[in-house]
Amino acid sequence: MKKISLNEVLEQPVSHNPEIAKRVFLAAGAIPGLTNLSQAVVKAGQKADRHTHQDMYEVFVVRHGSGVIEVDDERHPLQCDDCVVIEPGESHEISNPNQEDLVLLYFGLLQ
């Protein structure tokens, strides 16, 4: 069994925008096939720049706030309790055009 408290995990920068802070519950190698289980806070006006993962699925769950995810040049609103699955090869970018923090729980799974 593993038990990790969010309050005990140190903040670190998100690789696609170092101004966005994340806390990693589980890093690569903790569970076979899992690349990470993290929570990120996207503050007002911030965005995680467009990128693509060729070898993994990425799953986002909106825990608080709202924002926008752009997948392959198509914009989709994000609301609290939404879940979005990004498939390998899909280009994606997440932004927060609002004043309230956008809090995302997310993980990656190798295909």
C-alpha atoms as a PDB file:
ATOM      1  CA  MET A   1       0.000   0.000   0.000  1.00  0.00           C
ATOM      2  CA  LYS A   2       1.061   3.569  -0.703  1.00  0.00           C
ATOM      3  CA  LYS A   3      -0.516   6.620   0.925  1.00  0.00           C
ATOM      4  CA  ILE A   4       0.497  10.091  -0.182  1.00  0.00           C
ATOM      5  CA  SER A   5      -0.902  13.351   1.207  1.00  0.00           C
ATOM      6  CA  LEU A   6      -1.044  16.378  -1.080  1.00  0.00           C
ATOM      7  CA  ASN A   7       0.200  18.514   1.812  1.00  0.00           C
ATOM      8  CA  GLU A   8       3.396  16.440   2.074  1.00  0.00           C
ATOM      9  CA  VAL A   9       4.323  16.650  -1.627  1.00  0.00           C
ATOM     10  CA  LEU A  10       6.605  19.490  -2.705  1.00  0.00           C
ATOM     11  CA  GLU A  11       5.620  21.769  -5.576  1.00  0.00           C
ATOM     12  CA  GLN A  12       7.591  21.601  -8.797  1.00  0.00           C
ATOM     13  CA  PRO A  13       7.200  23.241 -12.217  1.00  0.00           C
ATOM     14  CA  VAL A  14       5.144  21.727 -15.027  1.00  0.00           C
ATOM     15  CA  SER A  15       7.432  20.824 -17.941  1.00  0.00           C
ATOM     16  CA  HIS A  16       5.305  22.656 -20.544  1.00  0.00           C
ATOM     17  CA  ASN A  17       5.263  25.928 -18.540  1.00  0.00           C
ATOM     18  CA  PRO A  18       7.554  26.266 -15.511  1.00  0.00           C
ATOM     19  CA  GLU A  19       5.330  29.020 -14.083  1.00  0.00           C
ATOM     20  CA  ILE A  20       2.578  26.449 -13.452  1.00  0.00           C
ATOM     21  CA  ALA A  21       3.049  24.528 -10.199  1.00  0.00           C
ATOM     22  CA  LYS A  22       2.286  20.836  -9.780  1.00  0.00           C
ATOM     23  CA  ARG A  23       2.529  18.265  -7.014  1.00  0.00           C
ATOM     24  CA  VAL A  24       3.350  14.716  -8.074  1.00  0.00           C
ATOM     25  CA  PHE A  25       1.582  11.980  -6.108  1.00  0.00           C
ATOM     26  CA  LEU A  26       3.153   9.148  -8.113  1.00  0.00           C
ATOM     27  CA  ALA A  27       6.134   9.528 -10.445  1.00  0.00           C
ATOM     28  CA  ALA A  28       7.148   7.352 -13.384  1.00  0.00           C
ATOM     29  CA  GLY A  29       7.962   3.830 -12.254  1.00  0.00           C
ATOM     30  CA  ALA A  30       5.756   3.882  -9.142  1.00  0.00           C
ATOM     31  CA  ILE A  31       3.170   1.706 -10.943  1.00  0.00           C
ATOM     32  CA  PRO A  32       3.858  -0.103 -14.230  1.00  0.00           C
ATOM     33  CA  GLY A  33       2.590   1.917 -17.206  1.00  0.00           C
ATOM     34  CA  LEU A  34       1.882   5.054 -15.178  1.00  0.00           C
ATOM     35  CA  THR A  35       3.986   8.073 -16.128  1.00  0.00           C
ATOM     36  CA  ASN A  36       2.709  10.249 -13.262  1.00  0.00           C
ATOM     37  CA  LEU A  37      -0.252  11.127 -11.085  1.00  0.00           C
ATOM     38  CA  SER A  38      -0.151  14.856 -10.376  1.00  0.00           C
ATOM     39  CA  GLN A  39      -2.198  17.882  -9.458  1.00  0.00           C
ATOM     40  CA  ALA A  40      -1.507  21.199 -11.191  1.00  0.00           C
ATOM     41  CA  VAL A  41      -2.797  24.681 -10.449  1.00  0.00           C
ATOM     42  CA  VAL A  42      -3.166  26.831 -13.559  1.00  0.00           C
ATOM     43  CA  LYS A  43      -3.520  30.414 -12.396  1.00  0.00           C
ATOM     44  CA  ALA A  44      -5.392  33.197 -14.214  1.00  0.00           C
ATOM     45  CA  GLY A  45      -3.866  33.859 -17.640  1.00  0.00           C
ATOM     46  CA  GLN A  46      -1.531  30.850 -17.580  1.00  0.00           C
ATOM     47  CA  LYS A  47      -1.368  28.068 -20.145  1.00  0.00           C
ATOM     48  CA  ALA A  48       0.477  24.808 -20.643  1.00  0.00           C
ATOM     49  CA  ASP A  49       1.861  25.202 -24.149  1.00  0.00           C
ATOM     50  CA  ARG A  50       0.796  22.972 -27.031  1.00  0.00           C
ATOM     51  CA  HIS A  51       2.516  19.607 -27.047  1.00  0.00           C
ATOM     52  CA  THR A  52       2.024  15.998 -28.115  1.00  0.00           C
ATOM     53  CA  HIS A  53       2.819  12.668 -26.472  1.00  0.00           C
ATOM     54  CA  GLN A  54       3.443   9.906 -29.002  1.00  0.00           C
ATOM     55  CA  ASP A  55       3.542   7.025 -26.530  1.00  0.00           C
ATOM     56  CA  MET A  56       0.954   7.776 -23.844  1.00  0.00           C
ATOM     57  CA  TYR A  57      -2.616   8.673 -22.989  1.00  0.00           C
ATOM     58  CA  GLU A  58      -3.054  11.694 -20.726  1.00  0.00           C
ATOM     59  CA  VAL A  59      -6.157  12.032 -18.546  1.00  0.00           C
ATOM     60  CA  PHE A  60      -7.244  15.310 -16.949  1.00  0.00           C
ATOM     61  CA  VAL A  61      -9.923  15.736 -14.252  1.00  0.00           C
ATOM     62  CA  VAL A  62     -11.022  19.286 -13.393  1.00  0.00           C
ATOM     63  CA  ARG A  63     -11.170  19.531  -9.611  1.00  0.00           C
ATOM     64  CA  HIS A  64     -11.798  23.278  -9.329  1.00  0.00           C
ATOM     65  CA  GLY A  65     -12.412  26.241 -11.605  1.00  0.00           C
ATOM     66  CA  SER A  66     -12.758  26.259 -15.361  1.00  0.00           C
ATOM     67  CA  GLY A  67     -10.605  26.734 -18.432  1.00  0.00           C
ATOM     68  CA  VAL A  68     -10.085  25.689 -22.034  1.00  0.00           C
ATOM     69  CA  ILE A  69      -8.393  22.698 -23.613  1.00  0.00           C
ATOM     70  CA  GLU A  70      -7.462  22.821 -27.277  1.00  0.00           C
ATOM     71  CA  VAL A  71      -7.052  19.410 -28.915  1.00  0.00           C
ATOM     72  CA  ASP A  72      -5.871  19.239 -32.524  1.00  0.00           C
ATOM     73  CA  ASP A  73      -6.928  22.890 -33.081  1.00  0.00           C
ATOM     74  CA  GLU A  74     -10.430  22.363 -31.634  1.00  0.00           C
ATOM     75  CA  ARG A  75     -11.282  24.333 -28.461  1.00  0.00           C
ATOM     76  CA  HIS A  76     -13.312  22.734 -25.652  1.00  0.00           C
ATOM     77  CA  PRO A  77     -14.446  24.368 -22.404  1.00  0.00           C
ATOM     78  CA  LEU A  78     -13.331  22.740 -19.142  1.00  0.00           C
ATOM     79  CA  GLN A  79     -15.637  22.817 -16.127  1.00  0.00           C
ATOM     80  CA  CYS A  80     -15.356  21.400 -12.617  1.00  0.00           C
ATOM     81  CA  ASP A  81     -15.740  17.581 -12.617  1.00  0.00           C
ATOM     82  CA  ASP A  82     -15.021  17.236 -16.369  1.00  0.00           C
ATOM     83  CA  CYS A  83     -12.716  14.404 -17.427  1.00  0.00           C
ATOM     84  CA  VAL A  84     -10.761  14.591 -20.703  1.00  0.00           C
ATOM     85  CA  VAL A  85      -8.716  11.782 -22.249  1.00  0.00           C
ATOM     86  CA  ILE A  86      -5.977  12.815 -24.691  1.00  0.00           C
ATOM     87  CA  GLU A  87      -4.909   9.990 -26.990  1.00  0.00           C
ATOM     88  CA  PRO A  88      -1.349   9.408 -28.197  1.00  0.00           C
ATOM     89  CA  GLY A  89      -0.482  11.793 -31.027  1.00  0.00           C
ATOM     90  CA  GLU A  90      -3.168  14.377 -30.197  1.00  0.00           C
ATOM     91  CA  SER A  91      -1.776  17.890 -29.925  1.00  0.00           C
ATOM     92  CA  HIS A  92      -3.105  19.671 -26.838  1.00  0.00           C
ATOM     93  CA  GLU A  93      -2.846  22.896 -24.832  1.00  0.00           C
ATOM     94  CA  ILE A  94      -4.615  23.922 -21.616  1.00  0.00           C
ATOM     95  CA  SER A  95      -5.293  27.534 -20.656  1.00  0.00           C
ATOM     96  CA  ASN A  96      -7.030  29.463 -17.924  1.00  0.00           C
ATOM     97  CA  PRO A  97      -8.589  32.694 -19.248  1.00  0.00           C
ATOM     98  CA  ASN A  98     -10.485  33.176 -15.959  1.00  0.00           C
ATOM     99  CA  GLN A  99      -9.668  34.896 -12.654  1.00  0.00           C
ATOM    100  CA  GLU A 100     -10.138  31.762 -10.525  1.00  0.00           C
ATOM    101  CA  ASP A 101      -7.476  29.021 -10.342  1.00  0.00           C
ATOM    102  CA  LEU A 102      -7.973  25.967 -12.549  1.00  0.00           C
ATOM    103  CA  VAL A 103      -7.012  22.859 -10.554  1.00  0.00           C
ATOM    104  CA  LEU A 104      -6.341  19.692 -12.553  1.00  0.00           C
ATOM    105  CA  LEU A 105      -5.697  16.161 -11.376  1.00  0.00           C
ATOM    106  CA  TYR A 106      -3.962  14.315 -14.213  1.00  0.00           C
ATOM    107  CA  PHE A 107      -2.077  11.176 -15.088  1.00  0.00           C
ATOM    108  CA  GLY A 108      -0.354   9.563 -18.033  1.00  0.00           C
ATOM    109  CA  LEU A 109      -0.538   5.930 -19.141  1.00  0.00           C
ATOM    110  CA  LEU A 110       1.915   4.385 -21.567  1.00  0.00           C
ATOM    111  CA  GLN A 111       0.207   2.649 -24.458  1.00  0.00           C
END
